[in-house]
Amino acid sequence: MHSDDIPVTVFVKNASGSEIASKLTGYFVLKGQEFRFSAIAFGRIGGHNASVTVSKTTLAKVAKMGFDPDALVMTIQRKIVEGDVTLPEGIKPPSE
């Protein structure tokens, strides 16, 4: 399955850091199931790059669901970089 075909929704629960880098925590929803992740976003949300960390247990569950774990992580990273995430009240992407 191509990474663009993975139907995942990304939610950022918390973001802290500076203008250069932010630590994010949140979860993603895949086929109705929630999984946690953490990330470092360089250039803040909607910035230039993101490094996403997902537990090995979660990646194994994702694989059993029929999704490529590497493609999923890349999709989450792309969504963070592009700002295609749901943010809690009070957290705004830098473009606003």
N, C-alpha and C. Protein backbone atom coordinates (compact mmCIF):
# COMPACT_ATOMS: atom_id res chain seq x y z
N MET A 1 0.85 -1.19 0.00
CA MET A 1 0.00 0.00 0.00
C MET A 1 0.88 1.24 0.00
N HIS A 2 0.65 2.14 -0.94
CA HIS A 2 1.40 3.39 -1.04
C HIS A 2 1.06 4.27 0.15
N SER A 3 2.02 5.06 0.62
CA SER A 3 1.80 5.88 1.81
C SER A 3 0.64 6.86 1.64
N ASP A 4 0.37 7.32 0.41
CA ASP A 4 -0.75 8.23 0.20
C ASP A 4 -2.09 7.53 0.34
N ASP A 5 -2.11 6.22 0.32
CA ASP A 5 -3.34 5.45 0.41
C ASP A 5 -3.69 5.05 1.85
N ILE A 6 -2.84 5.41 2.81
CA ILE A 6 -3.10 5.02 4.20
C ILE A 6 -4.09 6.01 4.81
N PRO A 7 -5.27 5.53 5.20
CA PRO A 7 -6.31 6.42 5.75
C PRO A 7 -6.07 6.69 7.23
N VAL A 8 -5.16 7.59 7.54
CA VAL A 8 -4.80 7.87 8.92
C VAL A 8 -5.09 9.34 9.24
N THR A 9 -5.62 9.57 10.45
CA THR A 9 -5.87 10.91 10.95
C THR A 9 -4.93 11.14 12.13
N VAL A 10 -4.26 12.29 12.13
CA VAL A 10 -3.24 12.58 13.14
C VAL A 10 -3.75 13.68 14.08
N PHE A 11 -3.63 13.44 15.38
CA PHE A 11 -4.03 14.38 16.41
C PHE A 11 -2.81 14.72 17.26
N VAL A 12 -2.53 16.02 17.39
CA VAL A 12 -1.45 16.47 18.26
C VAL A 12 -2.10 16.91 19.57
N LYS A 13 -1.68 16.28 20.67
CA LYS A 13 -2.24 16.62 21.98
C LYS A 13 -1.44 17.71 22.68
N ASN A 14 -0.12 17.72 22.46
CA ASN A 14 0.73 18.67 23.16
C ASN A 14 1.91 19.04 22.27
N ALA A 15 2.28 20.29 22.28
CA ALA A 15 3.46 20.76 21.56
C ALA A 15 4.21 21.73 22.46
N SER A 16 5.50 21.50 22.61
CA SER A 16 6.32 22.40 23.41
C SER A 16 7.67 22.55 22.74
N GLY A 17 8.27 23.70 22.94
CA GLY A 17 9.58 23.93 22.35
C GLY A 17 9.77 25.36 21.93
N SER A 18 10.64 25.53 20.94
CA SER A 18 11.02 26.86 20.50
C SER A 18 10.58 27.09 19.05
N GLU A 19 11.01 28.20 18.48
CA GLU A 19 10.73 28.49 17.08
C GLU A 19 11.44 27.51 16.16
N ILE A 20 12.54 26.93 16.63
CA ILE A 20 13.36 26.05 15.79
C ILE A 20 12.86 24.61 15.82
N ALA A 21 12.52 24.10 17.00
CA ALA A 21 12.08 22.71 17.12
C ALA A 21 11.04 22.58 18.22
N SER A 22 10.10 21.67 17.99
CA SER A 22 9.05 21.41 18.99
C SER A 22 8.95 19.92 19.23
N LYS A 23 8.69 19.57 20.48
CA LYS A 23 8.39 18.18 20.82
C LYS A 23 6.88 18.04 20.80
N LEU A 24 6.42 17.05 20.06
CA LEU A 24 4.99 16.80 19.93
C LEU A 24 4.63 15.46 20.54
N THR A 25 3.48 15.39 21.14
CA THR A 25 2.91 14.10 21.53
C THR A 25 1.49 14.08 21.01
N GLY A 26 1.04 12.90 20.66
CA GLY A 26 -0.31 12.79 20.16
C GLY A 26 -0.65 11.37 19.82
N TYR A 27 -1.63 11.23 18.97
CA TYR A 27 -2.05 9.90 18.56
C TYR A 27 -2.57 9.96 17.13
N PHE A 28 -2.60 8.80 16.51
CA PHE A 28 -3.17 8.71 15.18
C PHE A 28 -4.25 7.64 15.21
N VAL A 29 -5.22 7.79 14.33
CA VAL A 29 -6.34 6.86 14.25
C VAL A 29 -6.25 6.14 12.90
N LEU A 30 -6.23 4.82 12.99
CA LEU A 30 -6.14 3.97 11.81
C LEU A 30 -7.18 2.88 11.96
N LYS A 31 -8.11 2.83 11.03
CA LYS A 31 -9.22 1.86 11.08
C LYS A 31 -9.93 1.89 12.43
N GLY A 32 -10.18 3.08 12.95
CA GLY A 32 -10.93 3.24 14.19
C GLY A 32 -10.14 2.97 15.46
N GLN A 33 -8.87 2.64 15.35
CA GLN A 33 -8.05 2.38 16.52
C GLN A 33 -7.06 3.52 16.74
N GLU A 34 -6.88 3.90 18.01
CA GLU A 34 -5.95 4.98 18.37
C GLU A 34 -4.60 4.39 18.77
N PHE A 35 -3.54 5.04 18.29
CA PHE A 35 -2.17 4.65 18.64
C PHE A 35 -1.39 5.92 18.96
N ARG A 36 -0.54 5.85 19.99
CA ARG A 36 0.23 7.02 20.41
C ARG A 36 1.51 7.16 19.59
N PHE A 37 1.98 8.39 19.50
CA PHE A 37 3.27 8.67 18.89
C PHE A 37 3.88 9.89 19.57
N SER A 38 5.17 10.07 19.36
CA SER A 38 5.85 11.30 19.74
C SER A 38 6.66 11.73 18.54
N ALA A 39 7.01 13.01 18.51
CA ALA A 39 7.75 13.52 17.36
C ALA A 39 8.52 14.77 17.74
N ILE A 40 9.53 15.03 16.97
CA ILE A 40 10.23 16.30 17.01
C ILE A 40 9.96 16.97 15.66
N ALA A 41 9.38 18.15 15.70
CA ALA A 41 9.11 18.90 14.47
C ALA A 41 10.10 20.05 14.39
N PHE A 42 10.86 20.07 13.34
CA PHE A 42 11.83 21.13 13.12
C PHE A 42 11.17 22.21 12.29
N GLY A 43 11.18 23.43 12.80
CA GLY A 43 10.46 24.50 12.13
C GLY A 43 9.01 24.55 12.60
N ARG A 44 8.72 23.89 13.69
CA ARG A 44 7.39 23.80 14.30
C ARG A 44 6.42 23.07 13.39
N ILE A 45 5.16 22.97 13.77
CA ILE A 45 4.16 22.27 12.97
C ILE A 45 4.01 23.03 11.66
N GLY A 46 4.00 22.31 10.58
CA GLY A 46 3.97 22.94 9.28
C GLY A 46 5.36 23.36 8.82
N GLY A 47 6.39 22.95 9.58
CA GLY A 47 7.77 23.32 9.29
C GLY A 47 8.42 22.43 8.26
N HIS A 48 9.71 22.38 8.32
CA HIS A 48 10.50 21.74 7.27
C HIS A 48 10.64 20.23 7.40
N ASN A 49 10.62 19.69 8.60
CA ASN A 49 10.87 18.27 8.79
C ASN A 49 10.28 17.81 10.12
N ALA A 50 10.07 16.51 10.23
CA ALA A 50 9.58 15.93 11.47
C ALA A 50 10.17 14.54 11.62
N SER A 51 10.48 14.18 12.85
CA SER A 51 10.96 12.85 13.16
C SER A 51 9.95 12.21 14.10
N VAL A 52 9.27 11.18 13.63
CA VAL A 52 8.18 10.55 14.38
C VAL A 52 8.67 9.26 15.01
N THR A 53 8.28 9.03 16.25
CA THR A 53 8.60 7.80 16.96
C THR A 53 7.30 7.08 17.31
N VAL A 54 7.22 5.82 16.90
CA VAL A 54 6.07 4.97 17.21
C VAL A 54 6.66 3.69 17.82
N SER A 55 6.02 3.17 18.87
CA SER A 55 6.55 1.99 19.54
C SER A 55 6.58 0.77 18.62
N LYS A 56 7.49 -0.14 18.90
CA LYS A 56 7.60 -1.37 18.12
C LYS A 56 6.32 -2.20 18.21
N THR A 57 5.69 -2.19 19.38
CA THR A 57 4.43 -2.91 19.57
C THR A 57 3.35 -2.35 18.64
N THR A 58 3.27 -1.03 18.57
CA THR A 58 2.29 -0.40 17.69
C THR A 58 2.59 -0.72 16.23
N LEU A 59 3.86 -0.65 15.84
CA LEU A 59 4.23 -0.95 14.46
C LEU A 59 3.87 -2.40 14.10
N ALA A 60 4.04 -3.31 15.05
CA ALA A 60 3.66 -4.71 14.81
C ALA A 60 2.14 -4.83 14.61
N LYS A 61 1.37 -4.11 15.42
CA LYS A 61 -0.10 -4.13 15.27
C LYS A 61 -0.51 -3.57 13.92
N VAL A 62 0.15 -2.49 13.51
CA VAL A 62 -0.14 -1.86 12.22
C VAL A 62 0.13 -2.85 11.08
N ALA A 63 1.24 -3.57 11.18
CA ALA A 63 1.59 -4.56 10.16
C ALA A 63 0.54 -5.67 10.11
N LYS A 64 0.05 -6.11 11.27
CA LYS A 64 -0.99 -7.15 11.30
C LYS A 64 -2.30 -6.66 10.70
N MET A 65 -2.49 -5.32 10.71
CA MET A 65 -3.69 -4.73 10.12
C MET A 65 -3.55 -4.64 8.60
N GLY A 66 -2.37 -4.97 8.08
CA GLY A 66 -2.16 -4.97 6.64
C GLY A 66 -1.53 -3.71 6.09
N PHE A 67 -0.98 -2.87 6.95
CA PHE A 67 -0.34 -1.63 6.51
C PHE A 67 1.18 -1.74 6.65
N ASP A 68 1.90 -1.07 5.77
CA ASP A 68 3.35 -1.00 5.84
C ASP A 68 3.73 -0.01 6.94
N PRO A 69 4.38 -0.48 8.03
CA PRO A 69 4.71 0.42 9.14
C PRO A 69 5.59 1.60 8.71
N ASP A 70 6.55 1.36 7.82
CA ASP A 70 7.42 2.45 7.37
C ASP A 70 6.63 3.50 6.59
N ALA A 71 5.72 3.05 5.73
CA ALA A 71 4.89 3.97 4.96
C ALA A 71 3.98 4.77 5.89
N LEU A 72 3.49 4.13 6.95
CA LEU A 72 2.63 4.81 7.91
C LEU A 72 3.40 5.93 8.60
N VAL A 73 4.60 5.63 9.08
CA VAL A 73 5.41 6.65 9.76
C VAL A 73 5.70 7.80 8.80
N MET A 74 6.01 7.49 7.56
CA MET A 74 6.26 8.55 6.57
C MET A 74 5.01 9.40 6.35
N THR A 75 3.85 8.76 6.33
CA THR A 75 2.60 9.50 6.16
C THR A 75 2.36 10.43 7.34
N ILE A 76 2.59 9.96 8.56
CA ILE A 76 2.41 10.80 9.76
C ILE A 76 3.38 11.97 9.70
N GLN A 77 4.64 11.70 9.35
CA GLN A 77 5.63 12.77 9.24
C GLN A 77 5.19 13.81 8.21
N ARG A 78 4.72 13.35 7.05
CA ARG A 78 4.28 14.28 6.01
C ARG A 78 3.12 15.13 6.51
N LYS A 79 2.16 14.50 7.20
CA LYS A 79 1.01 15.24 7.71
C LYS A 79 1.43 16.30 8.72
N ILE A 80 2.40 15.98 9.57
CA ILE A 80 2.89 16.96 10.55
C ILE A 80 3.57 18.12 9.81
N VAL A 81 4.44 17.80 8.86
CA VAL A 81 5.16 18.84 8.12
C VAL A 81 4.19 19.74 7.36
N GLU A 82 3.17 19.13 6.76
CA GLU A 82 2.20 19.91 5.98
C GLU A 82 1.13 20.58 6.84
N GLY A 83 1.12 20.28 8.15
CA GLY A 83 0.13 20.87 9.04
C GLY A 83 -1.23 20.21 8.93
N ASP A 84 -1.27 19.00 8.36
CA ASP A 84 -2.52 18.26 8.18
C ASP A 84 -2.81 17.43 9.44
N VAL A 85 -2.97 18.15 10.56
CA VAL A 85 -3.20 17.50 11.86
C VAL A 85 -4.32 18.24 12.58
N THR A 86 -4.91 17.57 13.55
CA THR A 86 -5.91 18.21 14.40
C THR A 86 -5.21 18.63 15.68
N LEU A 87 -5.35 19.92 16.02
CA LEU A 87 -4.68 20.48 17.19
C LEU A 87 -5.70 20.80 18.28
N PRO A 88 -5.29 20.68 19.54
CA PRO A 88 -6.19 21.09 20.62
C PRO A 88 -6.31 22.61 20.65
N GLU A 89 -7.32 23.11 21.32
CA GLU A 89 -7.50 24.55 21.46
C GLU A 89 -6.24 25.18 22.02
N GLY A 90 -5.86 26.33 21.50
CA GLY A 90 -4.72 27.05 22.05
C GLY A 90 -3.41 26.78 21.33
N ILE A 91 -3.32 25.71 20.55
CA ILE A 91 -2.11 25.44 19.79
C ILE A 91 -2.41 25.78 18.34
N LYS A 92 -1.60 26.67 17.77
CA LYS A 92 -1.84 27.08 16.40
C LYS A 92 -0.59 26.85 15.57
N PRO A 93 -0.74 26.44 14.32
CA PRO A 93 0.40 26.35 13.44
C PRO A 93 1.01 27.74 13.23
N PRO A 94 2.30 27.82 12.94
CA PRO A 94 2.94 29.13 12.82
C PRO A 94 2.42 29.96 11.65
N SER A 95 1.73 29.33 10.70
CA SER A 95 1.23 30.07 9.54
C SER A 95 0.04 30.94 9.89
N GLU A 96 -0.56 30.74 11.06
CA GLU A 96 -1.74 31.54 11.44
C GLU A 96 -1.32 32.78 12.21
